[in-house]
Amino acid sequence: MNAIDIDGLTYQYQDGTRAIENISLEIPIGSKVALLGPNGAGKSTFLHHLNGLKLPQEGSVNIMGIPLSKKSTKEIRQKVGLVFQDPDDQVFSGTVIDDVEFGPRNLGMSEEEIEDVCRAALGSVGMLEFKKKAPFHLSYGQKKRVAIAGILAMKPDIVVLDEPMSYLDPQGRDEVAALLQGLNFMGKTILLSTHDVDFAASWADTIILMKAGKILATGGPELLVDEEWIRKANLHLPVIARLFRMLDTKKMPRTEQEAARMLYEMIHYNKTF
């Protein structure tokens, strides 16, 4: 069983704009998936179908073997947690702990279970000591972590994030990247949209390129050093790959580790790539 199975998904807005057109995908359990493409590619609309914020007009969406429909929306949302791009759209309670407790309470958990899952969720994102703080006293990156904690407290199998790196400073980006890696180690399937090709190239095991509501290509992170696909998706190569292109190498690394190995072999063994 896959975490996500999508067949022929199409969605059109009332003004006739086709935000998504005939998308078909299989995402295995435990995957780390990065969805990339220009603004207006349909990424957010696609993500909103994964936990029932939007329902398929054509085609089908299956989450952990459960077909998405109006009747199954509540069950799907227990399987898929969606973290919005702007945490201010998601973190709205008077204190951090009240916000994180909101989801589990609506799921009907007991008070004892709510206390346990919320403590664990805040601990996993490094925000337990802030549980009595008002969200508006937090930094943008801290609010993002609280939003993620609120989703984790509902114990989803799949975590979906819309632009989790947007508007974060470098330290905040590193913290979120480490958090996402940790969630995957815990067995969560992670799917996110991003414009950050450097992060996607080093973190994801699956890359999906979208443009104009359609999937251009799906594959491994090597897609992000393929100049033809990068050009079609209106993206740019990772910084390291651009450096090696200037060195006139045929092969371009996508991570710092790959670059270091290639440079070592070029210097010590006169190896060409």
C-alpha atoms as a PDB file:
ATOM      1  CA  MET A   1       0.000   0.000   0.000  1.00  0.00           C
ATOM      2  CA  ASN A   2       1.229   3.484  -0.879  1.00  0.00           C
ATOM      3  CA  ALA A   3       0.851   6.496   1.378  1.00  0.00           C
ATOM      4  CA  ILE A   4      -0.778   8.420  -1.478  1.00  0.00           C
ATOM      5  CA  ASP A   5      -2.326   7.176  -4.753  1.00  0.00           C
ATOM      6  CA  ILE A   6      -3.656   9.747  -7.205  1.00  0.00           C
ATOM      7  CA  ASP A   7      -5.243   8.946 -10.548  1.00  0.00           C
ATOM      8  CA  GLY A   8      -6.309  11.558 -13.100  1.00  0.00           C
ATOM      9  CA  LEU A   9      -6.836  14.353 -10.557  1.00  0.00           C
ATOM     10  CA  THR A  10      -8.291  17.492 -12.139  1.00  0.00           C
ATOM     11  CA  TYR A  11      -9.551  20.665 -10.456  1.00  0.00           C
ATOM     12  CA  GLN A  12     -11.036  23.747 -12.090  1.00  0.00           C
ATOM     13  CA  TYR A  13     -11.941  27.018 -10.394  1.00  0.00           C
ATOM     14  CA  GLN A  14     -15.277  28.735 -10.991  1.00  0.00           C
ATOM     15  CA  ASP A  15     -13.714  31.220 -13.404  1.00  0.00           C
ATOM     16  CA  GLY A  16     -12.696  28.320 -15.638  1.00  0.00           C
ATOM     17  CA  THR A  17      -9.034  28.240 -14.631  1.00  0.00           C
ATOM     18  CA  ARG A  18      -7.687  24.686 -14.514  1.00  0.00           C
ATOM     19  CA  ALA A  19      -5.439  24.668 -11.469  1.00  0.00           C
ATOM     20  CA  ILE A  20      -4.704  20.928 -11.765  1.00  0.00           C
ATOM     21  CA  GLU A  21      -5.025  18.813 -14.868  1.00  0.00           C
ATOM     22  CA  ASN A  22      -4.901  15.014 -15.035  1.00  0.00           C
ATOM     23  CA  ILE A  23      -2.337  14.388 -12.291  1.00  0.00           C
ATOM     24  CA  SER A  24      -1.461  10.773 -11.477  1.00  0.00           C
ATOM     25  CA  LEU A  25       1.052   9.852  -8.752  1.00  0.00           C
ATOM     26  CA  GLU A  26       2.099   7.078  -6.399  1.00  0.00           C
ATOM     27  CA  ILE A  27       3.955   8.066  -3.229  1.00  0.00           C
ATOM     28  CA  PRO A  28       5.300   5.177  -1.119  1.00  0.00           C
ATOM     29  CA  ILE A  29       5.073   5.165   2.658  1.00  0.00           C
ATOM     30  CA  GLY A  30       8.109   6.797   4.277  1.00  0.00           C
ATOM     31  CA  SER A  31       8.986   9.000   1.289  1.00  0.00           C
ATOM     32  CA  LYS A  32      10.493  12.484   1.443  1.00  0.00           C
ATOM     33  CA  VAL A  33       8.900  14.320  -1.471  1.00  0.00           C
ATOM     34  CA  ALA A  34       9.630  17.852  -2.691  1.00  0.00           C
ATOM     35  CA  LEU A  35       7.171  19.520  -5.074  1.00  0.00           C
ATOM     36  CA  LEU A  36       8.700  22.346  -7.116  1.00  0.00           C
ATOM     37  CA  GLY A  37       7.503  24.686  -9.822  1.00  0.00           C
ATOM     38  CA  PRO A  38       6.867  28.354 -10.592  1.00  0.00           C
ATOM     39  CA  ASN A  39       4.144  30.423  -8.928  1.00  0.00           C
ATOM     40  CA  GLY A  40       0.771  29.466 -10.354  1.00  0.00           C
ATOM     41  CA  ALA A  41       1.862  25.894 -11.068  1.00  0.00           C
ATOM     42  CA  GLY A  42      -0.973  24.502  -8.917  1.00  0.00           C
ATOM     43  CA  LYS A  43       1.185  23.269  -6.044  1.00  0.00           C
ATOM     44  CA  SER A  44      -0.970  24.604  -3.196  1.00  0.00           C
ATOM     45  CA  THR A  45      -4.199  23.455  -4.845  1.00  0.00           C
ATOM     46  CA  PHE A  46      -2.692  20.004  -5.224  1.00  0.00           C
ATOM     47  CA  LEU A  47      -1.604  19.890  -1.562  1.00  0.00           C
ATOM     48  CA  HIS A  48      -5.072  20.955  -0.407  1.00  0.00           C
ATOM     49  CA  HIS A  49      -6.480  17.791  -2.010  1.00  0.00           C
ATOM     50  CA  LEU A  50      -4.334  15.607   0.222  1.00  0.00           C
ATOM     51  CA  ASN A  51      -6.281  16.271   3.423  1.00  0.00           C
ATOM     52  CA  GLY A  52      -9.685  17.112   2.004  1.00  0.00           C
ATOM     53  CA  LEU A  53      -9.586  20.907   1.992  1.00  0.00           C
ATOM     54  CA  LYS A  54     -10.508  20.416  -1.645  1.00  0.00           C
ATOM     55  CA  LEU A  55     -12.262  17.377  -3.119  1.00  0.00           C
ATOM     56  CA  PRO A  56     -11.533  15.934  -6.572  1.00  0.00           C
ATOM     57  CA  GLN A  57     -13.782  17.172  -9.365  1.00  0.00           C
ATOM     58  CA  GLU A  58     -12.347  14.511 -11.650  1.00  0.00           C
ATOM     59  CA  GLY A  59     -10.109  11.555 -10.846  1.00  0.00           C
ATOM     60  CA  SER A  60      -9.388  10.049  -7.450  1.00  0.00           C
ATOM     61  CA  VAL A  61      -7.214  10.544  -4.374  1.00  0.00           C
ATOM     62  CA  ASN A  62      -6.502   7.632  -2.021  1.00  0.00           C
ATOM     63  CA  ILE A  63      -4.756   8.191   1.305  1.00  0.00           C
ATOM     64  CA  MET A  64      -3.379   5.073   3.010  1.00  0.00           C
ATOM     65  CA  GLY A  65      -5.886   3.088   0.944  1.00  0.00           C
ATOM     66  CA  ILE A  66      -8.863   5.315   1.855  1.00  0.00           C
ATOM     67  CA  PRO A  67     -10.633   7.053  -1.062  1.00  0.00           C
ATOM     68  CA  LEU A  68     -11.021  10.789  -0.467  1.00  0.00           C
ATOM     69  CA  SER A  69     -14.650  11.901  -0.470  1.00  0.00           C
ATOM     70  CA  LYS A  70     -16.928  14.180   1.520  1.00  0.00           C
ATOM     71  CA  LYS A  71     -17.758  11.264   3.818  1.00  0.00           C
ATOM     72  CA  SER A  72     -14.142  10.286   4.454  1.00  0.00           C
ATOM     73  CA  THR A  73     -12.758  13.805   5.061  1.00  0.00           C
ATOM     74  CA  LYS A  74     -12.570  13.463   8.856  1.00  0.00           C
ATOM     75  CA  GLU A  75     -10.771  10.113   8.611  1.00  0.00           C
ATOM     76  CA  ILE A  76      -8.391  11.482   5.955  1.00  0.00           C
ATOM     77  CA  ARG A  77      -7.477  14.453   8.161  1.00  0.00           C
ATOM     78  CA  GLN A  78      -6.438  12.049  10.895  1.00  0.00           C
ATOM     79  CA  LYS A  79      -4.066  10.454   8.380  1.00  0.00           C
ATOM     80  CA  VAL A  80      -2.758  13.673   6.769  1.00  0.00           C
ATOM     81  CA  GLY A  81      -1.664  16.811   8.614  1.00  0.00           C
ATOM     82  CA  LEU A  82      -1.390  19.960   6.499  1.00  0.00           C
ATOM     83  CA  VAL A  83       0.880  22.825   7.584  1.00  0.00           C
ATOM     84  CA  PHE A  84       0.019  26.096   5.800  1.00  0.00           C
ATOM     85  CA  GLN A  85       2.636  28.403   4.311  1.00  0.00           C
ATOM     86  CA  ASP A  86       1.847  31.220   6.777  1.00  0.00           C
ATOM     87  CA  PRO A  87       1.711  30.032  10.412  1.00  0.00           C
ATOM     88  CA  ASP A  88      -0.521  33.006  11.278  1.00  0.00           C
ATOM     89  CA  ASP A  89      -3.254  31.217   9.304  1.00  0.00           C
ATOM     90  CA  GLN A  90      -2.900  28.211  11.611  1.00  0.00           C
ATOM     91  CA  VAL A  91      -1.700  29.412  15.022  1.00  0.00           C
ATOM     92  CA  PHE A  92      -4.504  31.471  16.528  1.00  0.00           C
ATOM     93  CA  SER A  93      -5.123  30.486  20.177  1.00  0.00           C
ATOM     94  CA  GLY A  94      -4.216  32.498  23.261  1.00  0.00           C
ATOM     95  CA  THR A  95      -1.269  30.292  24.207  1.00  0.00           C
ATOM     96  CA  VAL A  96       0.928  27.768  22.434  1.00  0.00           C
ATOM     97  CA  ILE A  97      -0.436  24.830  24.427  1.00  0.00           C
ATOM     98  CA  ASP A  98      -4.049  25.841  23.719  1.00  0.00           C
ATOM     99  CA  ASP A  99      -3.256  25.900  20.034  1.00  0.00           C
ATOM    100  CA  VAL A 100      -1.586  22.491  19.985  1.00  0.00           C
ATOM    101  CA  GLU A 101      -4.413  20.975  22.043  1.00  0.00           C
ATOM    102  CA  PHE A 102      -7.062  22.212  19.590  1.00  0.00           C
ATOM    103  CA  GLY A 103      -6.735  19.370  17.081  1.00  0.00           C
ATOM    104  CA  PRO A 104      -6.529  16.446  19.541  1.00  0.00           C
ATOM    105  CA  ARG A 105      -9.489  17.845  21.476  1.00  0.00           C
ATOM    106  CA  ASN A 106     -11.589  17.957  18.307  1.00  0.00           C
ATOM    107  CA  LEU A 107     -10.611  14.357  17.602  1.00  0.00           C
ATOM    108  CA  GLY A 108     -12.162  13.367  20.923  1.00  0.00           C
ATOM    109  CA  MET A 109      -8.984  12.303  22.722  1.00  0.00           C
ATOM    110  CA  SER A 110      -9.087  11.951  26.489  1.00  0.00           C
ATOM    111  CA  GLU A 111      -7.519  14.677  28.643  1.00  0.00           C
ATOM    112  CA  GLU A 112      -4.696  12.335  29.593  1.00  0.00           C
ATOM    113  CA  GLU A 113      -3.964  11.484  25.965  1.00  0.00           C
ATOM    114  CA  ILE A 114      -4.159  15.153  24.955  1.00  0.00           C
ATOM    115  CA  GLU A 115      -1.573  16.043  27.587  1.00  0.00           C
ATOM    116  CA  ASP A 116       0.737  13.232  26.442  1.00  0.00           C
ATOM    117  CA  VAL A 117       0.539  13.883  22.690  1.00  0.00           C
ATOM    118  CA  CYS A 118       0.882  17.658  23.057  1.00  0.00           C
ATOM    119  CA  ARG A 119       3.914  17.369  25.318  1.00  0.00           C
ATOM    120  CA  ALA A 120       5.508  14.955  22.846  1.00  0.00           C
ATOM    121  CA  ALA A 121       4.650  17.160  19.850  1.00  0.00           C
ATOM    122  CA  LEU A 122       6.034  20.348  21.411  1.00  0.00           C
ATOM    123  CA  GLY A 123       9.115  18.470  22.588  1.00  0.00           C
ATOM    124  CA  SER A 124       9.785  17.130  19.092  1.00  0.00           C
ATOM    125  CA  VAL A 125       9.860  20.653  17.637  1.00  0.00           C
ATOM    126  CA  GLY A 126      11.808  22.161  20.540  1.00  0.00           C
ATOM    127  CA  MET A 127       8.953  24.343  21.777  1.00  0.00           C
ATOM    128  CA  LEU A 128       7.922  22.692  25.055  1.00  0.00           C
ATOM    129  CA  GLU A 129       9.379  25.494  27.178  1.00  0.00           C
ATOM    130  CA  PHE A 130       7.197  27.996  25.286  1.00  0.00           C
ATOM    131  CA  LYS A 131       3.887  26.230  25.918  1.00  0.00           C
ATOM    132  CA  LYS A 132       2.463  29.057  28.063  1.00  0.00           C
ATOM    133  CA  LYS A 133       3.610  31.802  25.693  1.00  0.00           C
ATOM    134  CA  ALA A 134       1.217  33.771  23.513  1.00  0.00           C
ATOM    135  CA  PRO A 135       1.917  32.980  19.818  1.00  0.00           C
ATOM    136  CA  PHE A 136       2.253  36.676  18.898  1.00  0.00           C
ATOM    137  CA  HIS A 137       5.314  36.826  21.178  1.00  0.00           C
ATOM    138  CA  LEU A 138       7.088  34.179  19.082  1.00  0.00           C
ATOM    139  CA  SER A 139       9.361  34.606  16.082  1.00  0.00           C
ATOM    140  CA  TYR A 140       8.118  33.553  12.656  1.00  0.00           C
ATOM    141  CA  GLY A 141      10.231  30.391  12.767  1.00  0.00           C
ATOM    142  CA  GLN A 142       8.943  29.511  16.250  1.00  0.00           C
ATOM    143  CA  LYS A 143       5.347  29.936  15.061  1.00  0.00           C
ATOM    144  CA  LYS A 144       6.090  27.587  12.175  1.00  0.00           C
ATOM    145  CA  ARG A 145       7.308  24.993  14.655  1.00  0.00           C
ATOM    146  CA  VAL A 146       4.162  25.450  16.754  1.00  0.00           C
ATOM    147  CA  ALA A 147       2.037  24.946  13.628  1.00  0.00           C
ATOM    148  CA  ILE A 148       3.920  21.710  12.936  1.00  0.00           C
ATOM    149  CA  ALA A 149       3.464  20.627  16.564  1.00  0.00           C
ATOM    150  CA  GLY A 150      -0.286  21.188  16.274  1.00  0.00           C
ATOM    151  CA  ILE A 151      -0.333  18.788  13.336  1.00  0.00           C
ATOM    152  CA  LEU A 152       1.916  16.203  15.010  1.00  0.00           C
ATOM    153  CA  ALA A 153      -0.324  16.161  18.085  1.00  0.00           C
ATOM    154  CA  MET A 154      -3.031  14.593  15.898  1.00  0.00           C
ATOM    155  CA  LYS A 155      -0.621  11.725  15.121  1.00  0.00           C
ATOM    156  CA  PRO A 156      -0.876  11.764  11.312  1.00  0.00           C
ATOM    157  CA  ASP A 157       0.889   9.217   9.100  1.00  0.00           C
ATOM    158  CA  ILE A 158       1.588  11.861   6.454  1.00  0.00           C
ATOM    159  CA  VAL A 159       2.776  15.448   7.005  1.00  0.00           C
ATOM    160  CA  VAL A 160       2.191  17.913   4.152  1.00  0.00           C
ATOM    161  CA  LEU A 161       3.825  21.362   4.254  1.00  0.00           C
ATOM    162  CA  ASP A 162       3.229  24.291   1.936  1.00  0.00           C
ATOM    163  CA  GLU A 163       6.484  26.278   1.531  1.00  0.00           C
ATOM    164  CA  PRO A 164       7.897  25.476   5.007  1.00  0.00           C
ATOM    165  CA  MET A 165      11.106  27.460   4.324  1.00  0.00           C
ATOM    166  CA  SER A 166       9.463  30.703   3.226  1.00  0.00           C
ATOM    167  CA  TYR A 167      10.386  33.893   5.160  1.00  0.00           C
ATOM    168  CA  LEU A 168      12.762  32.045   7.499  1.00  0.00           C
ATOM    169  CA  ASP A 169      16.260  33.235   8.354  1.00  0.00           C
ATOM    170  CA  PRO A 170      19.162  30.783   7.772  1.00  0.00           C
ATOM    171  CA  GLN A 171      19.026  29.401  11.310  1.00  0.00           C
ATOM    172  CA  GLY A 172      15.269  28.923  11.066  1.00  0.00           C
ATOM    173  CA  ARG A 173      15.675  27.076   7.769  1.00  0.00           C
ATOM    174  CA  ASP A 174      18.277  24.771   9.295  1.00  0.00           C
ATOM    175  CA  GLU A 175      16.004  24.060  12.266  1.00  0.00           C
ATOM    176  CA  VAL A 176      13.025  23.215  10.050  1.00  0.00           C
ATOM    177  CA  ALA A 177      15.200  21.028   7.799  1.00  0.00           C
ATOM    178  CA  ALA A 178      16.462  19.089  10.829  1.00  0.00           C
ATOM    179  CA  LEU A 179      12.907  18.756  12.131  1.00  0.00           C
ATOM    180  CA  LEU A 180      11.662  17.353   8.823  1.00  0.00           C
ATOM    181  CA  GLN A 181      14.522  14.865   8.741  1.00  0.00           C
ATOM    182  CA  GLY A 182      13.650  13.798  12.278  1.00  0.00           C
ATOM    183  CA  LEU A 183       9.975  13.340  11.417  1.00  0.00           C
ATOM    184  CA  ASN A 184      10.938  11.089   8.530  1.00  0.00           C
ATOM    185  CA  PHE A 185      13.175   9.043  10.849  1.00  0.00           C
ATOM    186  CA  MET A 186      10.060   8.608  13.021  1.00  0.00           C
ATOM    187  CA  GLY A 187       8.368   6.953  10.035  1.00  0.00           C
ATOM    188  CA  LYS A 188       6.334   9.884   8.738  1.00  0.00           C
ATOM    189  CA  THR A 189       5.793  10.356   5.024  1.00  0.00           C
ATOM    190  CA  ILE A 190       6.728  13.977   4.264  1.00  0.00           C
ATOM    191  CA  LEU A 191       5.513  15.912   1.222  1.00  0.00           C
ATOM    192  CA  LEU A 192       6.253  19.601   0.819  1.00  0.00           C
ATOM    193  CA  SER A 193       6.213  22.343  -1.768  1.00  0.00           C
ATOM    194  CA  THR A 194       9.231  24.601  -2.030  1.00  0.00           C
ATOM    195  CA  HIS A 195      11.115  27.025  -4.266  1.00  0.00           C
ATOM    196  CA  ASP A 196      14.370  26.144  -2.504  1.00  0.00           C
ATOM    197  CA  VAL A 197      16.181  23.883  -4.986  1.00  0.00           C
ATOM    198  CA  ASP A 198      19.266  23.614  -2.752  1.00  0.00           C
ATOM    199  CA  PHE A 199      17.221  22.254   0.143  1.00  0.00           C
ATOM    200  CA  ALA A 200      15.182  19.941  -2.105  1.00  0.00           C
ATOM    201  CA  ALA A 201      18.301  18.552  -3.796  1.00  0.00           C
ATOM    202  CA  SER A 202      19.925  17.611  -0.485  1.00  0.00           C
ATOM    203  CA  TRP A 203      16.819  16.492   1.447  1.00  0.00           C
ATOM    204  CA  ALA A 204      14.259  14.824  -0.809  1.00  0.00           C
ATOM    205  CA  ASP A 205      14.343  11.304  -2.197  1.00  0.00           C
ATOM    206  CA  THR A 206      11.570  12.109  -4.701  1.00  0.00           C
ATOM    207  CA  ILE A 207      11.214  15.258  -6.788  1.00  0.00           C
ATOM    208  CA  ILE A 208       8.002  16.339  -8.539  1.00  0.00           C
ATOM    209  CA  LEU A 209       8.221  19.198 -11.032  1.00  0.00           C
ATOM    210  CA  MET A 210       4.965  21.027 -11.811  1.00  0.00           C
ATOM    211  CA  LYS A 211       4.005  23.743 -14.246  1.00  0.00           C
ATOM    212  CA  ALA A 212       0.610  25.100 -15.355  1.00  0.00           C
ATOM    213  CA  GLY A 213      -1.274  22.500 -13.327  1.00  0.00           C
ATOM    214  CA  LYS A 214       0.526  19.528 -14.840  1.00  0.00           C
ATOM    215  CA  ILE A 215       3.374  17.300 -13.745  1.00  0.00           C
ATOM    216  CA  LEU A 216       6.435  17.856 -15.918  1.00  0.00           C
ATOM    217  CA  ALA A 217       8.585  15.130 -14.385  1.00  0.00           C
ATOM    218  CA  THR A 218       8.872  12.846 -11.381  1.00  0.00           C
ATOM    219  CA  GLY A 219      12.092  11.194 -10.263  1.00  0.00           C
ATOM    220  CA  GLY A 220      15.006  11.293  -7.887  1.00  0.00           C
ATOM    221  CA  PRO A 221      16.893  14.435  -6.794  1.00  0.00           C
ATOM    222  CA  GLU A 222      19.091  14.125  -9.885  1.00  0.00           C
ATOM    223  CA  LEU A 223      16.230  15.901 -11.710  1.00  0.00           C
ATOM    224  CA  LEU A 224      17.396  19.116 -10.077  1.00  0.00           C
ATOM    225  CA  VAL A 225      20.761  19.004 -11.872  1.00  0.00           C
ATOM    226  CA  ASP A 226      19.147  18.250 -15.236  1.00  0.00           C
ATOM    227  CA  GLU A 227      19.322  21.584 -17.029  1.00  0.00           C
ATOM    228  CA  GLU A 228      16.570  20.743 -19.511  1.00  0.00           C
ATOM    229  CA  TRP A 229      13.984  19.931 -16.826  1.00  0.00           C
ATOM    230  CA  ILE A 230      15.093  22.848 -14.655  1.00  0.00           C
ATOM    231  CA  ARG A 231      14.575  25.228 -17.562  1.00  0.00           C
ATOM    232  CA  LYS A 232      11.142  23.794 -18.357  1.00  0.00           C
ATOM    233  CA  ALA A 233      10.080  24.196 -14.714  1.00  0.00           C
ATOM    234  CA  ASN A 234      11.286  27.843 -14.550  1.00  0.00           C
ATOM    235  CA  LEU A 235      13.749  26.959 -11.784  1.00  0.00           C
ATOM    236  CA  HIS A 236      17.514  27.295 -11.435  1.00  0.00           C
ATOM    237  CA  LEU A 237      20.215  24.775 -10.682  1.00  0.00           C
ATOM    238  CA  PRO A 238      21.385  24.351  -7.072  1.00  0.00           C
ATOM    239  CA  VAL A 239      24.256  26.699  -6.196  1.00  0.00           C
ATOM    240  CA  ILE A 240      26.812  23.869  -6.104  1.00  0.00           C
ATOM    241  CA  ALA A 241      25.722  22.600  -9.511  1.00  0.00           C
ATOM    242  CA  ARG A 242      26.049  26.105 -10.971  1.00  0.00           C
ATOM    243  CA  LEU A 243      29.599  26.323  -9.639  1.00  0.00           C
ATOM    244  CA  PHE A 244      30.577  23.040 -11.293  1.00  0.00           C
ATOM    245  CA  ARG A 245      28.953  24.125 -14.542  1.00  0.00           C
ATOM    246  CA  MET A 246      31.403  27.062 -14.514  1.00  0.00           C
ATOM    247  CA  LEU A 247      34.217  24.503 -14.093  1.00  0.00           C
ATOM    248  CA  ASP A 248      32.974  22.913 -17.331  1.00  0.00           C
ATOM    249  CA  THR A 249      32.337  19.485 -15.832  1.00  0.00           C
ATOM    250  CA  LYS A 250      29.867  17.169 -17.524  1.00  0.00           C
ATOM    251  CA  LYS A 251      28.581  15.905 -14.178  1.00  0.00           C
ATOM    252  CA  MET A 252      27.123  18.355 -11.667  1.00  0.00           C
ATOM    253  CA  PRO A 253      26.861  17.527  -7.955  1.00  0.00           C
ATOM    254  CA  ARG A 254      23.661  18.294  -6.071  1.00  0.00           C
ATOM    255  CA  THR A 255      24.988  18.197  -2.490  1.00  0.00           C
ATOM    256  CA  GLU A 256      28.045  19.515  -0.627  1.00  0.00           C
ATOM    257  CA  GLN A 257      29.173  15.934   0.023  1.00  0.00           C
ATOM    258  CA  GLU A 258      29.100  15.052  -3.673  1.00  0.00           C
ATOM    259  CA  ALA A 259      30.963  18.268  -4.529  1.00  0.00           C
ATOM    260  CA  ALA A 260      33.664  17.593  -1.926  1.00  0.00           C
ATOM    261  CA  ARG A 261      34.213  14.058  -3.236  1.00  0.00           C
ATOM    262  CA  MET A 262      34.452  15.268  -6.835  1.00  0.00           C
ATOM    263  CA  LEU A 263      36.917  18.036  -5.924  1.00  0.00           C
ATOM    264  CA  TYR A 264      39.061  15.600  -3.932  1.00  0.00           C
ATOM    265  CA  GLU A 265      39.246  13.196  -6.858  1.00  0.00           C
ATOM    266  CA  MET A 266      39.959  16.024  -9.307  1.00  0.00           C
ATOM    267  CA  ILE A 267      42.836  17.349  -7.161  1.00  0.00           C
ATOM    268  CA  HIS A 268      44.406  14.072  -5.986  1.00  0.00           C
ATOM    269  CA  TYR A 269      43.728  11.757  -8.914  1.00  0.00           C
ATOM    270  CA  ASN A 270      43.374  14.196 -11.834  1.00  0.00           C
ATOM    271  CA  LYS A 271      39.982  12.648 -12.410  1.00  0.00           C
ATOM    272  CA  THR A 272      37.609  14.372 -14.818  1.00  0.00           C
ATOM    273  CA  PHE A 273      33.834  14.381 -14.647  1.00  0.00           C
END
